């Protein structure tokens, strides 16, 4: 993973309440909004790519942050917990993500709880949900994800 800053600053982000972060998430059509120490950044990559980038390259932006995300499955929840997020909101949360968050100090709210995250491209469960299914802690989730991402990178090199 190459580390570079691709966060954008949203328009009109004077208030830093969770409600405002949720409004930014929906108004800007982004995938992730992060607020840390009064600074708000928005991200637009698919899946857990933005959270992965933040944990690997800018972990200080996650520690103690509040985030609003479109979808939080177990993989994203693991990254949020490992990264030290203090509060999160999501439009859609999987039950396994909630279980992981319940075992942490992360305060969370959601609009819809689902049994599992289903990918748009079909009726299959999200591949990352399958990959981290057996992990029982945030550390295990992140270790499993990093190993998977490294394996995928090596496959593409060969």
N, C-alpha and C. Protein backbone atom coordinates (compact mmCIF):
# COMPACT_ATOMS: atom_id res chain seq x y z
N UNK A 1 0.85 -1.19 0.00
CA UNK A 1 0.00 0.00 0.00
C UNK A 1 0.89 1.24 0.00
N UNK A 2 0.70 2.07 -1.01
CA UNK A 2 1.41 3.35 -1.04
C UNK A 2 0.65 4.32 -0.15
N UNK A 3 1.36 5.06 0.65
CA UNK A 3 0.72 5.99 1.56
C UNK A 3 0.76 7.39 0.99
N UNK A 4 -0.39 7.97 0.80
CA UNK A 4 -0.51 9.34 0.34
C UNK A 4 -1.82 9.88 0.87
N UNK A 5 -1.93 11.19 0.92
CA UNK A 5 -3.14 11.80 1.48
C UNK A 5 -4.14 12.04 0.36
N UNK A 6 -5.24 11.33 0.37
CA UNK A 6 -6.25 11.54 -0.64
C UNK A 6 -7.57 11.97 -0.01
N UNK A 7 -7.51 12.43 1.22
CA UNK A 7 -8.72 12.93 1.88
C UNK A 7 -9.08 14.28 1.29
N UNK A 8 -10.35 14.56 1.28
CA UNK A 8 -10.85 15.86 0.85
C UNK A 8 -11.52 16.52 2.04
N UNK A 9 -11.60 17.83 1.99
CA UNK A 9 -12.30 18.56 3.03
C UNK A 9 -13.71 18.87 2.52
N UNK A 10 -14.73 18.46 3.26
CA UNK A 10 -16.10 18.74 2.82
C UNK A 10 -16.45 20.22 2.97
N UNK A 11 -17.44 20.64 2.21
CA UNK A 11 -17.93 22.01 2.33
C UNK A 11 -18.73 22.14 3.63
N UNK A 12 -18.69 23.32 4.21
CA UNK A 12 -19.55 23.66 5.33
C UNK A 12 -19.53 22.62 6.45
N UNK A 13 -18.39 22.46 7.08
CA UNK A 13 -18.32 21.47 8.17
C UNK A 13 -17.92 22.15 9.47
N UNK A 14 -18.68 23.17 9.87
CA UNK A 14 -18.37 23.90 11.08
C UNK A 14 -18.72 23.11 12.33
N UNK A 15 -19.88 22.45 12.33
CA UNK A 15 -20.26 21.66 13.48
C UNK A 15 -19.65 20.27 13.36
N UNK A 16 -19.18 19.75 14.47
CA UNK A 16 -18.50 18.45 14.45
C UNK A 16 -19.30 17.39 15.18
N UNK A 17 -20.61 17.52 15.20
CA UNK A 17 -21.44 16.52 15.86
C UNK A 17 -21.55 15.29 14.97
N UNK A 18 -21.91 14.16 15.57
CA UNK A 18 -22.10 12.94 14.78
C UNK A 18 -23.19 13.17 13.74
N UNK A 19 -24.25 13.89 14.14
CA UNK A 19 -25.33 14.17 13.19
C UNK A 19 -24.78 14.89 11.96
N UNK A 20 -23.89 15.83 12.17
CA UNK A 20 -23.31 16.56 11.05
C UNK A 20 -22.43 15.65 10.19
N UNK A 21 -21.69 14.74 10.83
CA UNK A 21 -20.87 13.79 10.06
C UNK A 21 -21.76 12.91 9.18
N UNK A 22 -22.90 12.49 9.73
CA UNK A 22 -23.85 11.68 8.96
C UNK A 22 -24.40 12.49 7.79
N UNK A 23 -24.72 13.75 8.04
CA UNK A 23 -25.21 14.62 6.96
C UNK A 23 -24.16 14.77 5.86
N UNK A 24 -22.90 14.93 6.24
CA UNK A 24 -21.82 15.04 5.25
C UNK A 24 -21.72 13.74 4.46
N UNK A 25 -21.78 12.60 5.14
CA UNK A 25 -21.72 11.30 4.47
C UNK A 25 -22.76 11.22 3.37
N UNK A 26 -23.98 11.60 3.67
CA UNK A 26 -25.08 11.49 2.70
C UNK A 26 -25.03 12.60 1.65
N UNK A 27 -24.75 13.82 2.07
CA UNK A 27 -24.74 14.95 1.14
C UNK A 27 -23.61 14.84 0.12
N UNK A 28 -22.43 14.44 0.57
CA UNK A 28 -21.27 14.37 -0.30
C UNK A 28 -21.22 13.07 -1.11
N UNK A 29 -22.04 12.09 -0.72
CA UNK A 29 -22.04 10.81 -1.43
C UNK A 29 -20.73 10.07 -1.29
N UNK A 30 -20.02 10.32 -0.20
CA UNK A 30 -18.73 9.66 0.02
C UNK A 30 -18.94 8.34 0.75
N UNK A 31 -17.86 7.62 0.96
CA UNK A 31 -17.98 6.33 1.63
C UNK A 31 -17.61 6.41 3.11
N UNK A 32 -16.84 7.42 3.48
CA UNK A 32 -16.35 7.53 4.86
C UNK A 32 -16.11 8.99 5.21
N UNK A 33 -16.51 9.36 6.42
CA UNK A 33 -16.23 10.69 6.97
C UNK A 33 -15.51 10.47 8.30
N UNK A 34 -14.40 11.17 8.49
CA UNK A 34 -13.61 11.03 9.71
C UNK A 34 -13.45 12.40 10.35
N UNK A 35 -13.76 12.47 11.64
CA UNK A 35 -13.54 13.70 12.39
C UNK A 35 -12.57 13.40 13.53
N UNK A 36 -11.49 14.17 13.56
CA UNK A 36 -10.49 14.02 14.62
C UNK A 36 -10.02 15.40 15.01
N UNK A 37 -10.16 15.73 16.27
CA UNK A 37 -9.71 17.02 16.81
C UNK A 37 -10.25 18.20 16.01
N UNK A 38 -11.52 18.10 15.60
CA UNK A 38 -12.15 19.21 14.88
C UNK A 38 -11.91 19.23 13.39
N UNK A 39 -11.03 18.38 12.88
CA UNK A 39 -10.76 18.33 11.44
C UNK A 39 -11.58 17.21 10.81
N UNK A 40 -12.33 17.55 9.77
CA UNK A 40 -13.19 16.59 9.09
C UNK A 40 -12.61 16.28 7.72
N UNK A 41 -12.50 14.99 7.40
CA UNK A 41 -12.02 14.55 6.10
C UNK A 41 -13.01 13.56 5.52
N UNK A 42 -13.15 13.57 4.19
CA UNK A 42 -14.03 12.61 3.53
C UNK A 42 -13.21 11.74 2.59
N UNK A 43 -13.68 10.50 2.40
CA UNK A 43 -12.99 9.51 1.58
C UNK A 43 -14.00 8.83 0.66
N UNK A 44 -13.51 8.31 -0.46
CA UNK A 44 -14.42 7.80 -1.48
C UNK A 44 -14.09 6.43 -2.05
N UNK A 45 -13.16 5.71 -1.48
CA UNK A 45 -12.82 4.41 -2.04
C UNK A 45 -13.83 3.35 -1.61
N UNK A 46 -13.88 2.26 -2.38
CA UNK A 46 -14.82 1.17 -2.08
C UNK A 46 -14.33 0.30 -0.93
N UNK A 47 -15.27 -0.36 -0.31
CA UNK A 47 -14.92 -1.35 0.71
C UNK A 47 -14.19 -0.76 1.90
N UNK A 48 -13.19 -1.49 2.38
CA UNK A 48 -12.43 -1.06 3.55
C UNK A 48 -11.14 -0.34 3.17
N UNK A 49 -10.99 0.01 1.89
CA UNK A 49 -9.73 0.60 1.42
C UNK A 49 -9.34 1.86 2.19
N UNK A 50 -10.32 2.74 2.44
CA UNK A 50 -10.00 3.97 3.17
C UNK A 50 -9.56 3.68 4.61
N UNK A 51 -10.29 2.80 5.29
CA UNK A 51 -9.91 2.44 6.65
C UNK A 51 -8.56 1.74 6.67
N UNK A 52 -8.31 0.88 5.69
CA UNK A 52 -7.01 0.20 5.58
C UNK A 52 -5.90 1.24 5.44
N UNK A 53 -6.10 2.19 4.53
CA UNK A 53 -5.10 3.25 4.32
C UNK A 53 -4.84 4.01 5.62
N UNK A 54 -5.91 4.40 6.29
CA UNK A 54 -5.75 5.17 7.52
C UNK A 54 -5.00 4.38 8.59
N UNK A 55 -5.35 3.13 8.78
CA UNK A 55 -4.69 2.33 9.81
C UNK A 55 -3.22 2.11 9.49
N UNK A 56 -2.91 1.87 8.22
CA UNK A 56 -1.52 1.60 7.84
C UNK A 56 -0.67 2.87 7.72
N UNK A 57 -1.25 3.93 7.19
CA UNK A 57 -0.46 5.11 6.84
C UNK A 57 -0.68 6.33 7.72
N UNK A 58 -1.86 6.46 8.29
CA UNK A 58 -2.17 7.63 9.11
C UNK A 58 -2.95 7.20 10.35
N UNK A 59 -2.39 6.29 11.14
CA UNK A 59 -3.14 5.76 12.28
C UNK A 59 -3.58 6.83 13.28
N UNK A 60 -2.85 7.92 13.34
CA UNK A 60 -3.22 9.00 14.27
C UNK A 60 -4.57 9.62 13.92
N UNK A 61 -4.98 9.52 12.65
CA UNK A 61 -6.28 10.06 12.24
C UNK A 61 -7.45 9.20 12.75
N UNK A 62 -7.19 7.94 13.07
CA UNK A 62 -8.23 7.05 13.59
C UNK A 62 -8.32 7.07 15.11
N UNK A 63 -7.17 7.16 15.78
CA UNK A 63 -7.15 7.07 17.24
C UNK A 63 -7.95 8.21 17.86
N UNK A 64 -9.06 7.85 18.51
CA UNK A 64 -9.91 8.84 19.16
C UNK A 64 -10.87 9.55 18.21
N UNK A 65 -10.94 9.10 16.97
CA UNK A 65 -11.78 9.76 15.96
C UNK A 65 -13.23 9.30 16.05
N UNK A 66 -14.07 10.08 15.42
CA UNK A 66 -15.46 9.70 15.16
C UNK A 66 -15.58 9.51 13.66
N UNK A 67 -16.25 8.44 13.25
CA UNK A 67 -16.40 8.17 11.82
C UNK A 67 -17.86 7.89 11.47
N UNK A 68 -18.20 8.23 10.24
CA UNK A 68 -19.49 7.86 9.65
C UNK A 68 -19.16 7.13 8.36
N UNK A 69 -19.71 5.93 8.20
CA UNK A 69 -19.38 5.06 7.07
C UNK A 69 -20.67 4.50 6.49
N UNK A 70 -20.67 4.23 5.20
CA UNK A 70 -21.86 3.66 4.57
C UNK A 70 -22.17 2.27 5.10
N UNK A 71 -21.13 1.43 5.16
CA UNK A 71 -21.32 0.03 5.54
C UNK A 71 -20.21 -0.39 6.49
N UNK A 72 -20.58 -1.01 7.61
CA UNK A 72 -19.59 -1.57 8.53
C UNK A 72 -19.89 -3.05 8.70
N UNK A 73 -19.02 -3.86 8.10
CA UNK A 73 -19.04 -5.30 8.32
C UNK A 73 -17.97 -5.64 9.34
N UNK A 74 -17.75 -6.91 9.55
CA UNK A 74 -16.78 -7.35 10.55
C UNK A 74 -15.37 -6.87 10.23
N UNK A 75 -15.00 -6.85 8.95
CA UNK A 75 -13.66 -6.39 8.56
C UNK A 75 -13.47 -4.92 8.93
N UNK A 76 -14.42 -4.07 8.54
CA UNK A 76 -14.32 -2.65 8.85
C UNK A 76 -14.37 -2.40 10.36
N UNK A 77 -15.20 -3.16 11.06
CA UNK A 77 -15.29 -3.02 12.52
C UNK A 77 -13.95 -3.36 13.17
N UNK A 78 -13.31 -4.42 12.69
CA UNK A 78 -12.00 -4.79 13.23
C UNK A 78 -10.97 -3.69 13.05
N UNK A 79 -10.96 -3.07 11.87
CA UNK A 79 -10.03 -1.98 11.61
C UNK A 79 -10.35 -0.79 12.51
N UNK A 80 -11.63 -0.48 12.67
CA UNK A 80 -12.03 0.64 13.52
C UNK A 80 -11.59 0.41 14.97
N UNK A 81 -11.81 -0.78 15.48
CA UNK A 81 -11.41 -1.10 16.86
C UNK A 81 -9.89 -1.04 16.99
N UNK A 82 -9.19 -1.70 16.09
CA UNK A 82 -7.72 -1.71 16.13
C UNK A 82 -7.16 -0.30 16.02
N UNK A 83 -7.83 0.54 15.22
CA UNK A 83 -7.37 1.91 15.02
C UNK A 83 -7.70 2.85 16.16
N UNK A 84 -8.51 2.40 17.11
CA UNK A 84 -8.82 3.23 18.27
C UNK A 84 -9.94 4.24 18.04
N UNK A 85 -10.80 3.99 17.05
CA UNK A 85 -11.96 4.86 16.83
C UNK A 85 -12.79 4.90 18.10
N UNK A 86 -13.26 6.10 18.48
CA UNK A 86 -14.05 6.18 19.71
C UNK A 86 -15.55 6.09 19.46
N UNK A 87 -15.99 6.49 18.26
CA UNK A 87 -17.43 6.47 17.98
C UNK A 87 -17.63 6.30 16.49
N UNK A 88 -18.65 5.52 16.12
CA UNK A 88 -18.95 5.39 14.69
C UNK A 88 -20.45 5.28 14.45
N UNK A 89 -20.81 5.71 13.26
CA UNK A 89 -22.16 5.55 12.74
C UNK A 89 -22.04 4.86 11.39
N UNK A 90 -23.00 4.01 11.07
CA UNK A 90 -23.06 3.42 9.75
C UNK A 90 -24.50 3.28 9.30
N UNK A 91 -24.69 3.38 7.99
CA UNK A 91 -26.03 3.16 7.44
C UNK A 91 -26.41 1.69 7.58
N UNK A 92 -25.45 0.80 7.33
CA UNK A 92 -25.70 -0.65 7.37
C UNK A 92 -24.61 -1.32 8.18
N UNK A 93 -25.01 -2.14 9.16
CA UNK A 93 -24.05 -2.87 9.99
C UNK A 93 -24.42 -4.34 10.03
N UNK A 94 -23.39 -5.19 9.95
CA UNK A 94 -23.65 -6.63 10.09
C UNK A 94 -23.67 -7.00 11.58
N UNK A 95 -24.37 -8.07 11.88
CA UNK A 95 -24.44 -8.54 13.27
C UNK A 95 -23.06 -8.92 13.79
N UNK A 96 -22.22 -9.49 12.93
CA UNK A 96 -20.86 -9.87 13.38
C UNK A 96 -20.01 -8.63 13.66
N UNK A 97 -20.25 -7.55 12.94
CA UNK A 97 -19.56 -6.29 13.24
C UNK A 97 -19.99 -5.78 14.61
N UNK A 98 -21.29 -5.84 14.87
CA UNK A 98 -21.81 -5.39 16.16
C UNK A 98 -21.22 -6.21 17.31
N UNK A 99 -21.09 -7.51 17.11
CA UNK A 99 -20.50 -8.36 18.15
C UNK A 99 -19.06 -7.94 18.45
N UNK A 100 -18.30 -7.64 17.41
CA UNK A 100 -16.91 -7.21 17.60
C UNK A 100 -16.87 -5.86 18.30
N UNK A 101 -17.73 -4.95 17.90
CA UNK A 101 -17.78 -3.63 18.53
C UNK A 101 -18.25 -3.71 19.98
N UNK A 102 -19.18 -4.63 20.27
CA UNK A 102 -19.67 -4.80 21.64
C UNK A 102 -18.55 -5.23 22.59
N UNK A 103 -17.55 -5.91 22.06
CA UNK A 103 -16.43 -6.37 22.88
C UNK A 103 -15.34 -5.30 23.00
N UNK A 104 -15.61 -4.11 22.49
CA UNK A 104 -14.63 -3.01 22.50
C UNK A 104 -15.21 -1.81 23.24
N UNK A 105 -14.46 -0.72 23.21
CA UNK A 105 -14.91 0.54 23.81
C UNK A 105 -15.56 1.47 22.80
N UNK A 106 -15.72 1.01 21.55
CA UNK A 106 -16.26 1.87 20.50
C UNK A 106 -17.78 2.02 20.67
N UNK A 107 -18.21 3.26 20.76
CA UNK A 107 -19.64 3.57 20.81
C UNK A 107 -20.14 3.57 19.36
N UNK A 108 -21.28 2.93 19.11
CA UNK A 108 -21.75 2.89 17.73
C UNK A 108 -23.26 3.02 17.62
N UNK A 109 -23.68 3.52 16.45
CA UNK A 109 -25.08 3.58 16.07
C UNK A 109 -25.18 3.18 14.61
N UNK A 110 -26.36 2.75 14.21
CA UNK A 110 -26.56 2.30 12.83
C UNK A 110 -28.00 2.58 12.43
N UNK A 111 -28.23 2.59 11.12
CA UNK A 111 -29.60 2.74 10.61
C UNK A 111 -30.25 1.38 10.43
N UNK A 112 -29.50 0.43 9.88
CA UNK A 112 -30.04 -0.90 9.59
C UNK A 112 -29.04 -1.97 10.02
N UNK A 113 -29.53 -2.98 10.73
CA UNK A 113 -28.71 -4.14 11.11
C UNK A 113 -29.09 -5.29 10.17
N UNK A 114 -28.06 -5.95 9.62
CA UNK A 114 -28.30 -7.08 8.72
C UNK A 114 -27.53 -8.30 9.23
N UNK A 115 -27.98 -9.47 8.82
CA UNK A 115 -27.28 -10.70 9.21
C UNK A 115 -25.86 -10.71 8.65
N UNK A 116 -25.74 -10.33 7.38
CA UNK A 116 -24.43 -10.29 6.74
C UNK A 116 -24.43 -9.26 5.63
N UNK A 117 -23.24 -8.81 5.27
CA UNK A 117 -23.09 -7.84 4.20
C UNK A 117 -23.12 -8.58 2.87
N UNK A 118 -24.00 -8.15 1.99
CA UNK A 118 -24.12 -8.75 0.66
C UNK A 118 -23.57 -7.75 -0.35
N UNK A 119 -22.73 -8.23 -1.26
CA UNK A 119 -22.14 -7.33 -2.25
C UNK A 119 -23.17 -6.99 -3.33
N UNK A 120 -23.03 -5.78 -3.85
CA UNK A 120 -23.95 -5.29 -4.88
C UNK A 120 -23.89 -6.12 -6.16
N UNK A 121 -22.71 -6.64 -6.45
CA UNK A 121 -22.48 -7.33 -7.71
C UNK A 121 -23.10 -8.72 -7.75
N UNK A 122 -23.87 -9.07 -6.79
CA UNK A 122 -24.49 -10.39 -6.79
C UNK A 122 -25.23 -10.63 -5.49
N UNK A 123 -25.53 -11.87 -5.25
CA UNK A 123 -26.25 -12.18 -4.02
C UNK A 123 -25.36 -12.95 -3.06
N UNK A 124 -24.07 -12.71 -3.18
CA UNK A 124 -23.10 -13.39 -2.31
C UNK A 124 -22.71 -12.51 -1.14
N UNK A 125 -22.30 -13.16 -0.08
CA UNK A 125 -21.78 -12.45 1.08
C UNK A 125 -20.47 -11.77 0.69
N UNK A 126 -20.22 -10.62 1.25
CA UNK A 126 -18.99 -9.87 0.99
C UNK A 126 -17.79 -10.78 1.21
N UNK A 127 -16.84 -10.80 0.26
CA UNK A 127 -15.68 -11.68 0.39
C UNK A 127 -14.86 -11.41 1.66
N UNK A 128 -14.75 -10.15 2.06
CA UNK A 128 -13.97 -9.85 3.26
C UNK A 128 -14.67 -10.39 4.51
N UNK A 129 -15.99 -10.39 4.51
CA UNK A 129 -16.73 -10.98 5.63
C UNK A 129 -16.40 -12.47 5.74
N UNK A 130 -16.29 -13.13 4.60
CA UNK A 130 -15.95 -14.55 4.60
C UNK A 130 -14.52 -14.76 5.11
N UNK A 131 -13.62 -13.91 4.65
CA UNK A 131 -12.20 -14.06 5.01
C UNK A 131 -11.97 -13.90 6.50
N UNK A 132 -12.69 -12.97 7.14
CA UNK A 132 -12.46 -12.71 8.58
C UNK A 132 -13.45 -13.44 9.47
N UNK A 133 -14.26 -14.30 8.89
CA UNK A 133 -15.33 -14.96 9.63
C UNK A 133 -14.86 -15.66 10.91
N UNK A 134 -13.72 -16.35 10.84
CA UNK A 134 -13.27 -17.14 11.99
C UNK A 134 -12.52 -16.30 13.03
N UNK A 135 -12.17 -15.06 12.70
CA UNK A 135 -11.46 -14.20 13.64
C UNK A 135 -12.39 -13.84 14.80
N UNK A 136 -11.84 -13.82 16.01
CA UNK A 136 -12.67 -13.53 17.18
C UNK A 136 -12.33 -12.20 17.85
N UNK A 137 -11.22 -11.58 17.46
CA UNK A 137 -10.84 -10.29 18.02
C UNK A 137 -10.49 -9.33 16.90
N UNK A 138 -10.45 -8.05 17.22
CA UNK A 138 -10.06 -7.04 16.23
C UNK A 138 -8.64 -7.30 15.73
N UNK A 139 -7.74 -7.69 16.63
CA UNK A 139 -6.36 -8.00 16.21
C UNK A 139 -6.35 -9.13 15.18
N UNK A 140 -7.13 -10.18 15.43
CA UNK A 140 -7.19 -11.30 14.49
C UNK A 140 -7.80 -10.87 13.16
N UNK A 141 -8.82 -10.04 13.21
CA UNK A 141 -9.44 -9.54 11.98
C UNK A 141 -8.40 -8.81 11.13
N UNK A 142 -7.68 -7.88 11.75
CA UNK A 142 -6.70 -7.08 11.01
C UNK A 142 -5.55 -7.95 10.50
N UNK A 143 -5.04 -8.85 11.32
CA UNK A 143 -3.98 -9.76 10.87
C UNK A 143 -4.43 -10.59 9.68
N UNK A 144 -5.66 -11.09 9.72
CA UNK A 144 -6.21 -11.89 8.63
C UNK A 144 -6.36 -11.05 7.37
N UNK A 145 -6.84 -9.81 7.51
CA UNK A 145 -6.98 -8.92 6.36
C UNK A 145 -5.64 -8.60 5.73
N UNK A 146 -4.65 -8.25 6.55
CA UNK A 146 -3.34 -7.88 6.02
C UNK A 146 -2.72 -9.07 5.28
N UNK A 147 -2.85 -10.26 5.84
CA UNK A 147 -2.32 -11.46 5.18
C UNK A 147 -3.03 -11.67 3.83
N UNK A 148 -4.33 -11.47 3.81
CA UNK A 148 -5.09 -11.61 2.56
C UNK A 148 -4.65 -10.57 1.53
N UNK A 149 -4.52 -9.31 1.96
CA UNK A 149 -4.12 -8.26 1.03
C UNK A 149 -2.71 -8.51 0.49
N UNK A 150 -1.80 -8.97 1.36
CA UNK A 150 -0.44 -9.30 0.91
C UNK A 150 -0.46 -10.44 -0.11
N UNK A 151 -1.28 -11.45 0.17
CA UNK A 151 -1.40 -12.59 -0.75
C UNK A 151 -1.93 -12.12 -2.11
N UNK A 152 -2.92 -11.26 -2.10
CA UNK A 152 -3.49 -10.74 -3.35
C UNK A 152 -2.46 -9.92 -4.12
N UNK A 153 -1.68 -9.12 -3.40
CA UNK A 153 -0.65 -8.31 -4.03
C UNK A 153 0.38 -9.21 -4.71
N UNK A 154 0.80 -10.29 -4.01
CA UNK A 154 1.78 -11.21 -4.56
C UNK A 154 1.24 -11.96 -5.76
N UNK A 155 -0.05 -12.28 -5.76
CA UNK A 155 -0.66 -12.96 -6.91
C UNK A 155 -0.61 -12.08 -8.14
N UNK A 156 -0.86 -10.78 -7.95
CA UNK A 156 -0.88 -9.86 -9.08
C UNK A 156 0.52 -9.58 -9.61
N UNK A 157 1.54 -9.74 -8.77
CA UNK A 157 2.92 -9.56 -9.22
C UNK A 157 3.40 -10.72 -10.07
N UNK A 158 2.91 -11.92 -9.75
CA UNK A 158 3.38 -13.12 -10.43
C UNK A 158 2.85 -13.23 -11.85
